[in-house]
Amino acid sequence: MSDPRLLAAGAAGFAAAAAALWAFRGMPLGTALFWLCSLPLFAAGLGFGAGVTMAAVALATALLVLFGGLVAAAAFLVLFGAPAALLLATGLRGGSGAFAAGLPLALLGLWPTAVLLAAALFLAGGEGLQAAMRAALETTLGRAGFAVPEPLLSQLVRVKAAAIGFLSALALLLNAFAARRFLLRQGGFAVPRLPDPASVRLPVWYPPLPALAAGAFLATPAEADAVPLSALLLLLVPLLVLGVVGVHARAKGRPARVPMLALFYLLLAMFLQVMGPALVGLGLYDQFRRRASAPPSV
């Protein structure tokens, strides 16, 4: 037990499981803790390697099976455990001391899309998933005492899966940056370097995927298009993140960088429906503009 990696894996696994159980038992601030489940996993992996995160995920999943049930364990594993391990395993490959951001960025769209398609197959197609989403949404809104008109309810059902995937990706990103910042403040850890924002881009094979999802969405009848629409929105998340990275790259070195970025995030939070497509466009522009100068990402 003198190996610090075992201690880190155990501590991260117990902390992640405790946060998830706190949420599943309906304790105060449980929702906030649930979205922080991946924070200890990233801290362990960034400090001691991706293998430590995999061990922590295995421990947390086992604890959740024992004390929370299979549904709780599956929710944790799908939303936080498995993607955190994948992001670190792909980003820390090569042992260069720098984080390779291309493939992890793509996984922010690929992982939730794969989960969505697997759920659709498990529930006998898109209509089965759409019906399950409607039932879950009606139950949630009913418990909260909200009466939602049918047209609005139908729109919410269509994007519910995409919203969950987007929030999960956002939580993963924020927890990863928070864990890295925590380790840097503690000192003594070989924390991987982040790439220059101007050099970050997706793998060359990724941009056609949202176009294929858009084609599937256009070819699907409106009454059963929840799965292709959600897949399209999820596959656009990495491009949106790439657009945010592009904003940071353009703000780098400017005297008013901090207030500019603060205003940018304020506008993003208030006008996501307008800012989102603009950032996706910026991400696409940067992806292809850098293609000739940046090294290929695989």
Protein backbone atom coordinates (compact mmCIF):
# COMPACT_ATOMS: atom_id res chain seq x y z
CA MET A 1 0.00 0.00 0.00
CA SER A 2 3.01 2.31 -0.27
CA ASP A 3 2.25 2.97 -3.94
CA PRO A 4 0.67 6.46 -4.23
CA ARG A 5 -1.12 5.40 -7.41
CA LEU A 6 -3.17 2.87 -5.45
CA LEU A 7 -4.03 5.52 -2.89
CA ALA A 8 -5.05 7.95 -5.64
CA ALA A 9 -7.19 5.32 -7.39
CA GLY A 10 -8.89 4.35 -4.15
CA ALA A 11 -9.51 7.93 -3.04
CA ALA A 12 -10.86 8.96 -6.45
CA GLY A 13 -13.08 5.88 -6.72
CA PHE A 14 -14.59 6.36 -3.26
CA ALA A 15 -15.07 10.12 -3.81
CA ALA A 16 -16.79 9.64 -7.18
CA ALA A 17 -19.05 6.91 -5.80
CA ALA A 18 -19.93 9.01 -2.74
CA ALA A 19 -20.86 12.00 -4.93
CA ALA A 20 -23.04 9.82 -7.16
CA LEU A 21 -24.75 8.10 -4.23
CA TRP A 22 -25.37 11.47 -2.58
CA ALA A 23 -27.26 12.50 -5.71
CA PHE A 24 -29.14 9.24 -6.22
CA ARG A 25 -30.32 9.22 -2.58
CA GLY A 26 -31.83 12.70 -3.03
CA MET A 27 -29.58 14.42 -0.49
CA PRO A 28 -29.19 18.23 -0.39
CA LEU A 29 -27.10 19.63 -3.27
CA GLY A 30 -27.14 16.18 -4.81
CA THR A 31 -27.57 17.48 -8.36
CA ALA A 32 -24.48 19.68 -8.07
CA LEU A 33 -22.42 16.83 -6.65
CA PHE A 34 -23.59 14.51 -9.42
CA TRP A 35 -22.11 16.77 -12.10
CA LEU A 36 -18.84 16.83 -10.11
CA CYS A 37 -18.44 13.03 -10.17
CA SER A 38 -15.64 13.14 -12.73
CA LEU A 39 -13.56 15.74 -10.83
CA PRO A 40 -11.70 13.22 -8.61
CA LEU A 41 -11.29 10.89 -11.59
CA PHE A 42 -9.54 13.59 -13.62
CA ALA A 43 -7.41 14.63 -10.64
CA ALA A 44 -6.18 11.05 -10.18
CA GLY A 45 -5.50 10.56 -13.89
CA LEU A 46 -3.76 13.88 -14.51
CA GLY A 47 -1.57 13.35 -11.46
CA PHE A 48 -0.74 9.66 -11.82
CA GLY A 49 -1.75 8.48 -15.28
CA ALA A 50 -4.80 7.21 -17.15
CA GLY A 51 -4.46 3.74 -15.65
CA VAL A 52 -5.18 5.17 -12.21
CA THR A 53 -8.41 6.70 -13.52
CA MET A 54 -9.44 3.34 -15.00
CA ALA A 55 -8.90 1.67 -11.63
CA ALA A 56 -10.86 4.45 -9.91
CA VAL A 57 -13.74 4.06 -12.36
CA ALA A 58 -13.82 0.30 -11.78
CA LEU A 59 -13.88 0.80 -8.00
CA ALA A 60 -16.59 3.49 -8.15
CA THR A 61 -18.74 1.35 -10.45
CA ALA A 62 -18.43 -1.65 -8.14
CA LEU A 63 -19.38 0.46 -5.11
CA LEU A 64 -22.39 1.86 -6.94
CA VAL A 65 -23.53 -1.63 -7.93
CA LEU A 66 -23.34 -2.70 -4.28
CA PHE A 67 -24.93 0.34 -2.67
CA GLY A 68 -26.91 2.08 -5.45
CA GLY A 69 -28.00 -0.62 -7.89
CA LEU A 70 -27.31 -1.37 -11.52
CA VAL A 71 -29.14 1.72 -12.83
CA ALA A 72 -27.05 4.08 -10.70
CA ALA A 73 -23.84 2.34 -11.71
CA ALA A 74 -24.78 2.41 -15.41
CA ALA A 75 -25.67 6.12 -15.26
CA PHE A 76 -22.35 6.97 -13.61
CA LEU A 77 -20.35 4.82 -16.00
CA VAL A 78 -22.03 6.18 -19.14
CA LEU A 79 -22.07 9.86 -18.18
CA PHE A 80 -18.78 10.26 -16.33
CA GLY A 81 -16.72 7.14 -15.62
CA ALA A 82 -16.06 5.71 -19.06
CA PRO A 83 -15.71 9.06 -20.90
CA ALA A 84 -13.29 10.40 -18.27
CA ALA A 85 -11.10 7.32 -18.66
CA LEU A 86 -11.27 7.55 -22.47
CA LEU A 87 -10.44 11.25 -22.55
CA LEU A 88 -7.35 10.72 -20.40
CA ALA A 89 -6.23 7.54 -22.17
CA THR A 90 -6.35 9.23 -25.59
CA GLY A 91 -5.02 12.60 -24.43
CA LEU A 92 -2.06 11.28 -22.46
CA ARG A 93 -0.86 8.77 -25.03
CA GLY A 94 2.74 8.96 -26.12
CA GLY A 95 4.20 10.07 -22.80
CA SER A 96 5.40 13.42 -24.18
CA GLY A 97 4.24 15.38 -21.15
CA ALA A 98 1.71 17.33 -23.25
CA PHE A 99 -1.99 16.67 -23.62
CA ALA A 100 -2.99 15.70 -27.19
CA ALA A 101 -6.39 17.39 -27.53
CA GLY A 102 -7.57 16.29 -30.99
CA LEU A 103 -8.99 12.83 -30.32
CA PRO A 104 -10.35 13.65 -26.82
CA LEU A 105 -12.16 16.61 -28.35
CA ALA A 106 -13.73 14.33 -30.96
CA LEU A 107 -14.78 11.89 -28.23
CA LEU A 108 -16.94 14.61 -26.67
CA GLY A 109 -19.23 14.06 -29.65
CA LEU A 110 -18.55 10.43 -30.50
CA TRP A 111 -19.13 8.94 -27.03
CA PRO A 112 -22.61 10.41 -26.34
CA THR A 113 -23.64 9.67 -29.94
CA ALA A 114 -22.60 6.03 -29.52
CA VAL A 115 -24.55 5.85 -26.24
CA LEU A 116 -27.58 7.40 -27.95
CA LEU A 117 -27.50 4.89 -30.81
CA ALA A 118 -27.03 1.99 -28.39
CA ALA A 119 -30.01 3.15 -26.33
CA ALA A 120 -32.11 3.47 -29.49
CA LEU A 121 -31.24 -0.10 -30.51
CA PHE A 122 -31.94 -1.38 -26.99
CA LEU A 123 -35.34 0.33 -26.96
CA ALA A 124 -36.31 -1.06 -30.38
CA GLY A 125 -35.51 1.94 -32.52
CA GLY A 126 -35.89 5.69 -32.45
CA GLU A 127 -39.62 5.64 -31.74
CA GLY A 128 -39.03 3.52 -28.63
CA LEU A 129 -36.38 5.93 -27.38
CA GLN A 130 -38.60 8.89 -28.16
CA ALA A 131 -41.45 7.32 -26.17
CA ALA A 132 -39.12 6.62 -23.24
CA MET A 133 -37.87 10.21 -23.30
CA ARG A 134 -41.45 11.51 -23.34
CA ALA A 135 -42.43 9.34 -20.38
CA ALA A 136 -39.39 10.44 -18.38
CA LEU A 137 -39.96 14.10 -19.19
CA GLU A 138 -43.66 13.92 -18.31
CA THR A 139 -42.81 12.29 -14.98
CA THR A 140 -40.20 14.93 -14.15
CA LEU A 141 -42.43 17.84 -15.09
CA GLY A 142 -45.38 16.30 -13.28
CA ARG A 143 -43.43 15.97 -10.04
CA ALA A 144 -42.30 19.58 -10.37
CA GLY A 145 -45.87 20.72 -10.93
CA PHE A 146 -45.29 22.17 -14.42
CA ALA A 147 -47.96 22.00 -17.11
CA VAL A 148 -46.23 22.15 -20.51
CA PRO A 149 -48.23 22.55 -23.75
CA GLU A 150 -48.03 19.62 -26.14
CA PRO A 151 -46.06 21.44 -28.90
CA LEU A 152 -43.40 22.53 -26.42
CA LEU A 153 -43.31 19.06 -24.84
CA SER A 154 -42.71 17.50 -28.25
CA GLN A 155 -39.82 19.87 -28.91
CA LEU A 156 -38.29 19.11 -25.50
CA VAL A 157 -38.54 15.37 -26.16
CA ARG A 158 -36.71 15.76 -29.47
CA VAL A 159 -33.67 17.45 -27.87
CA LYS A 160 -33.66 15.86 -24.39
CA ALA A 161 -30.98 13.28 -25.26
CA ALA A 162 -28.82 15.96 -26.89
CA ALA A 163 -29.21 18.21 -23.84
CA ILE A 164 -28.06 15.43 -21.50
CA GLY A 165 -25.04 14.72 -23.72
CA PHE A 166 -24.17 18.40 -23.95
CA LEU A 167 -24.35 18.88 -20.17
CA SER A 168 -22.24 15.76 -19.65
CA ALA A 169 -19.58 17.02 -22.09
CA LEU A 170 -19.61 20.44 -20.43
CA ALA A 171 -19.22 18.86 -16.99
CA LEU A 172 -16.33 16.71 -18.21
CA LEU A 173 -14.52 19.73 -19.64
CA LEU A 174 -15.01 21.93 -16.57
CA ASN A 175 -14.03 19.15 -14.17
CA ALA A 176 -10.91 18.35 -16.18
CA PHE A 177 -9.76 21.99 -16.09
CA ALA A 178 -10.65 22.29 -12.40
CA ALA A 179 -8.70 19.12 -11.56
CA ARG A 180 -5.64 20.35 -13.48
CA ARG A 181 -5.78 23.72 -11.75
CA PHE A 182 -6.06 22.01 -8.35
CA LEU A 183 -3.00 19.84 -9.03
CA LEU A 184 -0.97 22.81 -10.22
CA ARG A 185 -1.76 24.68 -7.00
CA GLN A 186 -0.72 21.70 -4.88
CA GLY A 187 2.64 21.32 -6.65
CA GLY A 188 4.71 18.16 -6.92
CA PHE A 189 2.67 16.65 -9.75
CA ALA A 190 3.81 16.15 -13.35
CA VAL A 191 0.68 17.77 -14.73
CA PRO A 192 0.53 17.50 -18.55
CA ARG A 193 0.91 20.73 -20.53
CA LEU A 194 -2.06 22.06 -22.45
CA PRO A 195 -1.58 22.67 -26.19
CA ASP A 196 -1.51 26.16 -27.66
CA PRO A 197 -5.15 27.08 -28.43
CA ALA A 198 -4.16 28.10 -31.96
CA SER A 199 -2.90 24.57 -32.67
CA VAL A 200 -5.95 22.63 -31.45
CA ARG A 201 -8.02 20.96 -34.12
CA LEU A 202 -10.12 17.84 -34.60
CA PRO A 203 -8.94 14.72 -36.45
CA VAL A 204 -9.28 15.12 -40.22
CA TRP A 205 -11.95 12.40 -40.39
CA TYR A 206 -14.32 14.09 -37.93
CA PRO A 207 -15.95 17.04 -39.85
CA PRO A 208 -17.84 14.78 -42.32
CA LEU A 209 -19.65 13.03 -39.45
CA PRO A 210 -22.02 15.93 -38.60
CA ALA A 211 -22.78 16.24 -42.32
CA LEU A 212 -23.79 12.55 -42.42
CA ALA A 213 -25.95 13.06 -39.32
CA ALA A 214 -27.59 16.08 -40.97
CA GLY A 215 -28.42 13.96 -44.01
CA ALA A 216 -29.97 11.27 -41.80
CA PHE A 217 -31.99 13.92 -39.97
CA LEU A 218 -33.35 15.40 -43.21
CA ALA A 219 -34.29 11.94 -44.48
CA THR A 220 -36.22 10.96 -41.31
CA PRO A 221 -39.93 11.75 -40.83
CA ALA A 222 -40.59 14.56 -38.37
CA GLU A 223 -42.53 12.32 -35.98
CA ALA A 224 -39.54 10.01 -35.43
CA ASP A 225 -36.52 12.28 -35.83
CA ALA A 226 -35.45 12.57 -32.18
CA VAL A 227 -32.48 10.21 -32.60
CA PRO A 228 -30.97 11.74 -35.79
CA LEU A 229 -31.58 15.27 -34.48
CA SER A 230 -29.91 14.47 -31.16
CA ALA A 231 -27.05 12.73 -32.96
CA LEU A 232 -26.53 15.80 -35.15
CA LEU A 233 -26.50 18.16 -32.16
CA LEU A 234 -24.13 15.91 -30.21
CA LEU A 235 -21.69 15.63 -33.11
CA LEU A 236 -21.63 19.43 -33.35
CA VAL A 237 -20.45 19.77 -29.72
CA PRO A 238 -16.72 19.29 -30.55
CA LEU A 239 -16.98 21.94 -33.27
CA LEU A 240 -18.62 24.30 -30.81
CA VAL A 241 -15.80 23.66 -28.33
CA LEU A 242 -13.29 24.23 -31.12
CA GLY A 243 -14.98 27.57 -31.76
CA VAL A 244 -14.60 28.47 -28.06
CA VAL A 245 -10.92 27.51 -28.31
CA GLY A 246 -10.67 29.80 -31.33
CA VAL A 247 -12.07 32.69 -29.30
CA HIS A 248 -9.44 32.07 -26.62
CA ALA A 249 -6.71 31.92 -29.25
CA ARG A 250 -7.77 35.27 -30.67
CA ALA A 251 -7.99 36.86 -27.22
CA LYS A 252 -4.53 35.62 -26.21
CA GLY A 253 -2.09 38.45 -25.55
CA ARG A 254 -4.66 41.23 -25.69
CA PRO A 255 -4.66 43.77 -22.82
CA ALA A 256 -8.40 43.35 -22.16
CA ARG A 257 -8.36 39.55 -22.45
CA VAL A 258 -10.10 38.80 -19.14
CA PRO A 259 -13.07 41.20 -19.54
CA MET A 260 -13.41 40.18 -23.20
CA LEU A 261 -13.68 36.51 -22.28
CA ALA A 262 -16.03 37.28 -19.39
CA LEU A 263 -18.34 39.16 -21.77
CA PHE A 264 -18.08 36.34 -24.30
CA TYR A 265 -19.16 33.68 -21.79
CA LEU A 266 -21.96 35.90 -20.53
CA LEU A 267 -23.30 36.29 -24.05
CA LEU A 268 -22.85 32.57 -24.67
CA ALA A 269 -24.92 31.69 -21.61
CA MET A 270 -27.65 34.20 -22.46
CA PHE A 271 -27.87 33.66 -26.23
CA LEU A 272 -26.73 30.07 -26.80
CA GLN A 273 -29.15 29.59 -29.70
CA VAL A 274 -27.42 32.42 -31.58
CA MET A 275 -23.88 32.05 -30.31
CA GLY A 276 -23.87 28.26 -30.70
CA PRO A 277 -24.18 28.15 -34.52
CA ALA A 278 -21.69 31.02 -34.79
CA LEU A 279 -19.14 29.12 -32.73
CA VAL A 280 -19.70 25.96 -34.77
CA GLY A 281 -18.99 28.01 -37.90
CA LEU A 282 -15.85 29.45 -36.31
CA GLY A 283 -14.76 25.95 -35.33
CA LEU A 284 -15.18 24.74 -38.91
CA TYR A 285 -13.30 27.75 -40.24
CA ASP A 286 -10.38 27.16 -37.88
CA GLN A 287 -10.40 23.42 -38.58
CA PHE A 288 -9.88 23.86 -42.32
CA ARG A 289 -7.79 27.03 -42.09
CA ARG A 290 -5.23 25.24 -39.97
CA ARG A 291 -5.24 22.08 -42.01
CA ALA A 292 -2.26 23.08 -44.12
CA SER A 293 -0.15 24.34 -41.22
CA ALA A 294 -1.05 22.10 -38.29
CA PRO A 295 0.29 18.54 -37.92
CA PRO A 296 -2.28 15.83 -38.67
CA SER A 297 -4.31 14.65 -35.69
CA VAL A 298 -5.24 10.98 -35.42
